[in-house]
Amino acid sequence: MAAYTNEEYYDMLMALGECQGQYHVAARRYAELYPNRARHPRPNVILAAAQRLYETGSVLPKKKDTGRHRDARTLRNVETVVRAIEQEPETSIRDIAREHELSYSTVQRILKEEKLHAYHYTRVQHLRQEDYPRRKRFCEDFLRRVNEDPELPSCVIFSDESLFTREGILNSHNMHVWDAENPRPTRPRNFQRR
């Protein structure tokens, strides 16, 4: 929830003074004095504001330390990450972070600031030159048959089968190319014939 405004803190302290330091009574008095305000402070909020004013001279809450300082995104580190991507666009964030002793999130932020995106490979069927006319004939024949029988596409069965090849494994989730614009990378799969 957002912090109270200076005016709201002032009104809390005035109600606390009017109630002679009794913060439970001050919370009720504040609600009576300002019924149209969106929120009314609980007694512990009024007490904490008074204690902060006494200890620090300010009613505003001290901002908590959010962790380590973010000083890893230096110009040198930005240039290092961008150069690594230019030399090997298929590399991963983890590899860059490990190689240059940076955190994963730092490398990720640098790539985001430089407007570089990971574009995944699309698997495409590896075709020979003689396959193109055959595919065209098949498509023309299929369209002709659909014109004759509009229910034909609903009779086609698509199966979700696993394929094992000697070409190695392509994990399309892990394989990508870093670039500012989509290069539409493809990776040909096995031939139709052995």
C-alpha atoms as a PDB file:
ATOM      1  CA  MET A   1       0.000   0.000   0.000  1.00  0.00           C
ATOM      2  CA  ALA A   2       1.215   3.519  -0.758  1.00  0.00           C
ATOM      3  CA  ALA A   3       2.643   5.605   2.064  1.00  0.00           C
ATOM      4  CA  TYR A   4       0.603   8.324   3.700  1.00  0.00           C
ATOM      5  CA  THR A   5       1.108  11.906   2.562  1.00  0.00           C
ATOM      6  CA  ASN A   6       2.797  14.559   4.709  1.00  0.00           C
ATOM      7  CA  GLU A   7      -0.612  16.180   5.260  1.00  0.00           C
ATOM      8  CA  GLU A   8      -2.076  12.897   6.531  1.00  0.00           C
ATOM      9  CA  TYR A   9       0.867  12.384   8.901  1.00  0.00           C
ATOM     10  CA  TYR A  10       0.412  15.956  10.168  1.00  0.00           C
ATOM     11  CA  ASP A  11      -3.280  15.319  10.842  1.00  0.00           C
ATOM     12  CA  MET A  12      -2.427  12.057  12.658  1.00  0.00           C
ATOM     13  CA  LEU A  13       0.009  13.861  14.956  1.00  0.00           C
ATOM     14  CA  MET A  14      -2.475  16.674  15.616  1.00  0.00           C
ATOM     15  CA  ALA A  15      -5.116  14.074  16.587  1.00  0.00           C
ATOM     16  CA  LEU A  16      -2.526  12.342  18.795  1.00  0.00           C
ATOM     17  CA  GLY A  17      -1.744  15.641  20.553  1.00  0.00           C
ATOM     18  CA  GLU A  18      -5.426  16.395  21.004  1.00  0.00           C
ATOM     19  CA  CYS A  19      -5.882  12.936  22.588  1.00  0.00           C
ATOM     20  CA  GLN A  20      -2.856  13.493  24.892  1.00  0.00           C
ATOM     21  CA  GLY A  21      -0.714  10.715  23.363  1.00  0.00           C
ATOM     22  CA  GLN A  22      -3.335   7.969  23.496  1.00  0.00           C
ATOM     23  CA  TYR A  23      -2.865   6.511  20.007  1.00  0.00           C
ATOM     24  CA  HIS A  24      -5.939   4.215  20.127  1.00  0.00           C
ATOM     25  CA  VAL A  25      -8.138   7.205  20.912  1.00  0.00           C
ATOM     26  CA  ALA A  26      -6.259   9.261  18.300  1.00  0.00           C
ATOM     27  CA  ALA A  27      -7.086   6.702  15.606  1.00  0.00           C
ATOM     28  CA  ARG A  28     -10.805   6.999  16.403  1.00  0.00           C
ATOM     29  CA  ARG A  29     -10.581  10.812  16.547  1.00  0.00           C
ATOM     30  CA  TYR A  30      -8.818  10.901  13.158  1.00  0.00           C
ATOM     31  CA  ALA A  31     -11.677   8.864  11.629  1.00  0.00           C
ATOM     32  CA  GLU A  32     -14.202  11.314  13.157  1.00  0.00           C
ATOM     33  CA  LEU A  33     -12.358  14.386  11.889  1.00  0.00           C
ATOM     34  CA  TYR A  34     -11.744  13.054   8.359  1.00  0.00           C
ATOM     35  CA  PRO A  35     -14.602  10.696   7.450  1.00  0.00           C
ATOM     36  CA  ASN A  36     -14.265  11.299   3.698  1.00  0.00           C
ATOM     37  CA  ARG A  37     -10.648  10.171   3.407  1.00  0.00           C
ATOM     38  CA  ALA A  38     -10.050   6.926   1.528  1.00  0.00           C
ATOM     39  CA  ARG A  39      -8.273   5.276   4.463  1.00  0.00           C
ATOM     40  CA  HIS A  40      -7.899   5.777   8.172  1.00  0.00           C
ATOM     41  CA  PRO A  41      -4.690   4.810   9.966  1.00  0.00           C
ATOM     42  CA  ARG A  42      -4.626   2.066  12.564  1.00  0.00           C
ATOM     43  CA  PRO A  43      -3.347   3.019  16.035  1.00  0.00           C
ATOM     44  CA  ASN A  44       0.066   1.429  15.463  1.00  0.00           C
ATOM     45  CA  VAL A  45       0.572   3.615  12.347  1.00  0.00           C
ATOM     46  CA  ILE A  46       0.014   6.768  14.399  1.00  0.00           C
ATOM     47  CA  LEU A  47       2.328   5.519  17.159  1.00  0.00           C
ATOM     48  CA  ALA A  48       5.069   4.622  14.637  1.00  0.00           C
ATOM     49  CA  ALA A  49       4.817   8.073  12.986  1.00  0.00           C
ATOM     50  CA  ALA A  50       5.201   9.782  16.371  1.00  0.00           C
ATOM     51  CA  GLN A  51       8.179   7.602  17.276  1.00  0.00           C
ATOM     52  CA  ARG A  52       9.879   8.299  13.926  1.00  0.00           C
ATOM     53  CA  LEU A  53       9.353  12.041  14.423  1.00  0.00           C
ATOM     54  CA  TYR A  54      10.917  11.842  17.879  1.00  0.00           C
ATOM     55  CA  GLU A  55      13.882   9.667  16.794  1.00  0.00           C
ATOM     56  CA  THR A  56      14.704  11.013  13.334  1.00  0.00           C
ATOM     57  CA  GLY A  57      12.910  14.330  13.001  1.00  0.00           C
ATOM     58  CA  SER A  58      10.813  13.000  10.114  1.00  0.00           C
ATOM     59  CA  VAL A  59       7.487  11.176  10.039  1.00  0.00           C
ATOM     60  CA  LEU A  60       8.281   9.502   6.742  1.00  0.00           C
ATOM     61  CA  PRO A  61       9.224   5.813   6.950  1.00  0.00           C
ATOM     62  CA  LYS A  62      12.853   5.005   6.263  1.00  0.00           C
ATOM     63  CA  LYS A  63      13.277   3.104   3.031  1.00  0.00           C
ATOM     64  CA  LYS A  64      14.626  -0.357   3.600  1.00  0.00           C
ATOM     65  CA  ASP A  65      17.852  -1.513   2.027  1.00  0.00           C
ATOM     66  CA  THR A  66      16.788  -3.608  -0.934  1.00  0.00           C
ATOM     67  CA  GLY A  67      19.975  -5.645  -1.161  1.00  0.00           C
ATOM     68  CA  ARG A  68      23.217  -5.259  -2.998  1.00  0.00           C
ATOM     69  CA  HIS A  69      23.951  -2.212  -5.077  1.00  0.00           C
ATOM     70  CA  ARG A  70      23.389  -2.549  -8.770  1.00  0.00           C
ATOM     71  CA  ASP A  71      26.747  -1.466 -10.053  1.00  0.00           C
ATOM     72  CA  ALA A  72      27.408  -4.406 -12.378  1.00  0.00           C
ATOM     73  CA  ARG A  73      25.913  -2.683 -15.424  1.00  0.00           C
ATOM     74  CA  THR A  74      28.972  -0.648 -16.244  1.00  0.00           C
ATOM     75  CA  LEU A  75      29.845   0.462 -19.752  1.00  0.00           C
ATOM     76  CA  ARG A  76      32.615  -2.138 -19.856  1.00  0.00           C
ATOM     77  CA  ASN A  77      30.212  -4.959 -18.891  1.00  0.00           C
ATOM     78  CA  VAL A  78      27.611  -3.806 -21.420  1.00  0.00           C
ATOM     79  CA  GLU A  79      30.229  -3.799 -24.187  1.00  0.00           C
ATOM     80  CA  THR A  80      31.471  -7.232 -23.078  1.00  0.00           C
ATOM     81  CA  VAL A  81      27.996  -8.784 -23.194  1.00  0.00           C
ATOM     82  CA  VAL A  82      27.099  -7.201 -26.544  1.00  0.00           C
ATOM     83  CA  ARG A  83      30.444  -8.310 -28.032  1.00  0.00           C
ATOM     84  CA  ALA A  84      29.865 -11.872 -26.775  1.00  0.00           C
ATOM     85  CA  ILE A  85      26.446 -11.928 -28.476  1.00  0.00           C
ATOM     86  CA  GLU A  86      27.870 -10.516 -31.723  1.00  0.00           C
ATOM     87  CA  GLN A  87      30.609 -13.167 -31.792  1.00  0.00           C
ATOM     88  CA  GLU A  88      28.285 -16.056 -30.983  1.00  0.00           C
ATOM     89  CA  PRO A  89      24.566 -15.186 -31.391  1.00  0.00           C
ATOM     90  CA  GLU A  90      23.465 -18.680 -30.324  1.00  0.00           C
ATOM     91  CA  THR A  91      25.089 -18.506 -26.884  1.00  0.00           C
ATOM     92  CA  SER A  92      23.015 -18.590 -23.705  1.00  0.00           C
ATOM     93  CA  ILE A  93      22.730 -16.038 -20.918  1.00  0.00           C
ATOM     94  CA  ARG A  94      24.154 -18.575 -18.451  1.00  0.00           C
ATOM     95  CA  ASP A  95      27.254 -19.129 -20.586  1.00  0.00           C
ATOM     96  CA  ILE A  96      27.904 -15.382 -20.875  1.00  0.00           C
ATOM     97  CA  ALA A  97      27.359 -14.859 -17.138  1.00  0.00           C
ATOM     98  CA  ARG A  98      29.703 -17.720 -16.240  1.00  0.00           C
ATOM     99  CA  GLU A  99      32.410 -16.708 -18.715  1.00  0.00           C
ATOM    100  CA  HIS A 100      32.488 -13.030 -17.707  1.00  0.00           C
ATOM    101  CA  GLU A 101      31.708 -13.524 -13.991  1.00  0.00           C
ATOM    102  CA  LEU A 102      28.440 -11.590 -14.059  1.00  0.00           C
ATOM    103  CA  SER A 103      25.092 -12.521 -12.580  1.00  0.00           C
ATOM    104  CA  TYR A 104      22.397 -14.032 -14.778  1.00  0.00           C
ATOM    105  CA  SER A 105      20.039 -11.123 -14.068  1.00  0.00           C
ATOM    106  CA  THR A 106      22.688  -8.542 -14.977  1.00  0.00           C
ATOM    107  CA  VAL A 107      23.272 -10.139 -18.383  1.00  0.00           C
ATOM    108  CA  GLN A 108      19.516 -10.416 -18.888  1.00  0.00           C
ATOM    109  CA  ARG A 109      18.996  -6.722 -18.072  1.00  0.00           C
ATOM    110  CA  ILE A 110      21.811  -5.666 -20.396  1.00  0.00           C
ATOM    111  CA  LEU A 111      20.322  -7.660 -23.272  1.00  0.00           C
ATOM    112  CA  LYS A 112      16.889  -6.169 -22.583  1.00  0.00           C
ATOM    113  CA  GLU A 113      18.260  -2.612 -22.472  1.00  0.00           C
ATOM    114  CA  GLU A 114      20.095  -3.212 -25.756  1.00  0.00           C
ATOM    115  CA  LYS A 115      16.786  -4.421 -27.257  1.00  0.00           C
ATOM    116  CA  LEU A 116      18.170  -7.877 -28.060  1.00  0.00           C
ATOM    117  CA  HIS A 117      15.725 -10.789 -28.076  1.00  0.00           C
ATOM    118  CA  ALA A 118      16.100 -14.553 -28.202  1.00  0.00           C
ATOM    119  CA  TYR A 119      14.488 -15.900 -31.377  1.00  0.00           C
ATOM    120  CA  HIS A 120      13.871 -19.627 -31.394  1.00  0.00           C
ATOM    121  CA  TYR A 121      14.581 -21.936 -34.284  1.00  0.00           C
ATOM    122  CA  THR A 122      11.749 -23.294 -36.378  1.00  0.00           C
ATOM    123  CA  ARG A 123      11.980 -26.892 -37.479  1.00  0.00           C
ATOM    124  CA  VAL A 124      11.473 -27.294 -41.201  1.00  0.00           C
ATOM    125  CA  GLN A 125      11.471 -30.387 -43.379  1.00  0.00           C
ATOM    126  CA  HIS A 126      14.736 -30.789 -45.252  1.00  0.00           C
ATOM    127  CA  LEU A 127      13.818 -30.821 -48.944  1.00  0.00           C
ATOM    128  CA  ARG A 128      15.716 -31.811 -52.052  1.00  0.00           C
ATOM    129  CA  GLN A 129      15.267 -29.990 -55.327  1.00  0.00           C
ATOM    130  CA  GLU A 130      12.977 -32.715 -56.732  1.00  0.00           C
ATOM    131  CA  ASP A 131      10.688 -32.494 -53.651  1.00  0.00           C
ATOM    132  CA  TYR A 132       9.292 -29.056 -54.481  1.00  0.00           C
ATOM    133  CA  PRO A 133       7.225 -30.022 -57.569  1.00  0.00           C
ATOM    134  CA  ARG A 134       5.874 -33.067 -55.691  1.00  0.00           C
ATOM    135  CA  ARG A 135       4.764 -30.951 -52.752  1.00  0.00           C
ATOM    136  CA  LYS A 136       3.110 -28.471 -55.101  1.00  0.00           C
ATOM    137  CA  ARG A 137       1.242 -31.295 -56.874  1.00  0.00           C
ATOM    138  CA  PHE A 138       0.098 -32.712 -53.537  1.00  0.00           C
ATOM    139  CA  CYS A 139      -1.231 -29.313 -52.389  1.00  0.00           C
ATOM    140  CA  GLU A 140      -3.072 -28.720 -55.650  1.00  0.00           C
ATOM    141  CA  ASP A 141      -4.564 -32.216 -55.483  1.00  0.00           C
ATOM    142  CA  PHE A 142      -5.593 -31.753 -51.850  1.00  0.00           C
ATOM    143  CA  LEU A 143      -7.277 -28.403 -52.605  1.00  0.00           C
ATOM    144  CA  ARG A 144      -9.129 -29.957 -55.552  1.00  0.00           C
ATOM    145  CA  ARG A 145     -10.362 -32.787 -53.317  1.00  0.00           C
ATOM    146  CA  VAL A 146     -11.453 -30.304 -50.624  1.00  0.00           C
ATOM    147  CA  ASN A 147     -13.519 -28.445 -53.227  1.00  0.00           C
ATOM    148  CA  GLU A 148     -15.213 -31.738 -54.090  1.00  0.00           C
ATOM    149  CA  ASP A 149     -15.657 -32.820 -50.456  1.00  0.00           C
ATOM    150  CA  PRO A 150     -15.544 -29.968 -47.872  1.00  0.00           C
ATOM    151  CA  GLU A 151     -15.531 -32.541 -45.013  1.00  0.00           C
ATOM    152  CA  LEU A 152     -12.182 -34.004 -46.119  1.00  0.00           C
ATOM    153  CA  PRO A 153      -9.935 -31.936 -43.756  1.00  0.00           C
ATOM    154  CA  SER A 154     -11.922 -33.176 -40.749  1.00  0.00           C
ATOM    155  CA  CYS A 155     -11.088 -36.745 -41.787  1.00  0.00           C
ATOM    156  CA  VAL A 156      -7.321 -36.160 -41.715  1.00  0.00           C
ATOM    157  CA  ILE A 157      -5.631 -37.571 -38.614  1.00  0.00           C
ATOM    158  CA  PHE A 158      -2.609 -35.748 -37.206  1.00  0.00           C
ATOM    159  CA  SER A 159      -0.601 -37.825 -34.792  1.00  0.00           C
ATOM    160  CA  ASP A 160       1.761 -36.678 -32.092  1.00  0.00           C
ATOM    161  CA  GLU A 161       4.512 -39.221 -32.500  1.00  0.00           C
ATOM    162  CA  SER A 162       8.060 -39.197 -31.286  1.00  0.00           C
ATOM    163  CA  LEU A 163      10.824 -39.229 -33.873  1.00  0.00           C
ATOM    164  CA  PHE A 164      14.328 -40.545 -33.281  1.00  0.00           C
ATOM    165  CA  THR A 165      17.007 -39.696 -35.807  1.00  0.00           C
ATOM    166  CA  ARG A 166      20.763 -39.863 -36.197  1.00  0.00           C
ATOM    167  CA  GLU A 167      20.934 -36.092 -36.681  1.00  0.00           C
ATOM    168  CA  GLY A 168      20.972 -35.328 -32.973  1.00  0.00           C
ATOM    169  CA  ILE A 169      18.450 -33.663 -30.736  1.00  0.00           C
ATOM    170  CA  LEU A 170      17.034 -30.208 -31.388  1.00  0.00           C
ATOM    171  CA  ASN A 171      15.528 -28.712 -28.270  1.00  0.00           C
ATOM    172  CA  SER A 172      13.772 -25.701 -29.756  1.00  0.00           C
ATOM    173  CA  HIS A 173      13.245 -24.262 -26.283  1.00  0.00           C
ATOM    174  CA  ASN A 174      16.970 -24.017 -25.558  1.00  0.00           C
ATOM    175  CA  MET A 175      18.237 -23.184 -29.041  1.00  0.00           C
ATOM    176  CA  HIS A 176      17.895 -19.561 -30.010  1.00  0.00           C
ATOM    177  CA  VAL A 177      19.599 -16.686 -31.808  1.00  0.00           C
ATOM    178  CA  TRP A 178      20.020 -13.289 -30.145  1.00  0.00           C
ATOM    179  CA  ASP A 179      19.247 -10.380 -32.451  1.00  0.00           C
ATOM    180  CA  ALA A 180      17.499  -7.005 -32.488  1.00  0.00           C
ATOM    181  CA  GLU A 181      15.134  -8.111 -35.281  1.00  0.00           C
ATOM    182  CA  ASN A 182      13.786 -11.583 -35.975  1.00  0.00           C
ATOM    183  CA  PRO A 183      16.163 -13.352 -38.399  1.00  0.00           C
ATOM    184  CA  ARG A 184      13.630 -16.214 -38.720  1.00  0.00           C
ATOM    185  CA  PRO A 185      16.198 -18.955 -38.033  1.00  0.00           C
ATOM    186  CA  THR A 186      15.368 -22.443 -39.307  1.00  0.00           C
ATOM    187  CA  ARG A 187      16.926 -25.831 -38.800  1.00  0.00           C
ATOM    188  CA  PRO A 188      16.304 -28.472 -41.472  1.00  0.00           C
ATOM    189  CA  ARG A 189      15.213 -31.854 -40.179  1.00  0.00           C
ATOM    190  CA  ASN A 190      15.584 -35.260 -41.763  1.00  0.00           C
ATOM    191  CA  PHE A 191      14.914 -36.052 -45.410  1.00  0.00           C
ATOM    192  CA  GLN A 192      11.713 -37.797 -46.438  1.00  0.00           C
ATOM    193  CA  ARG A 193      13.725 -40.736 -47.770  1.00  0.00           C
ATOM    194  CA  ARG A 194      16.652 -42.510 -46.207  1.00  0.00           C
END
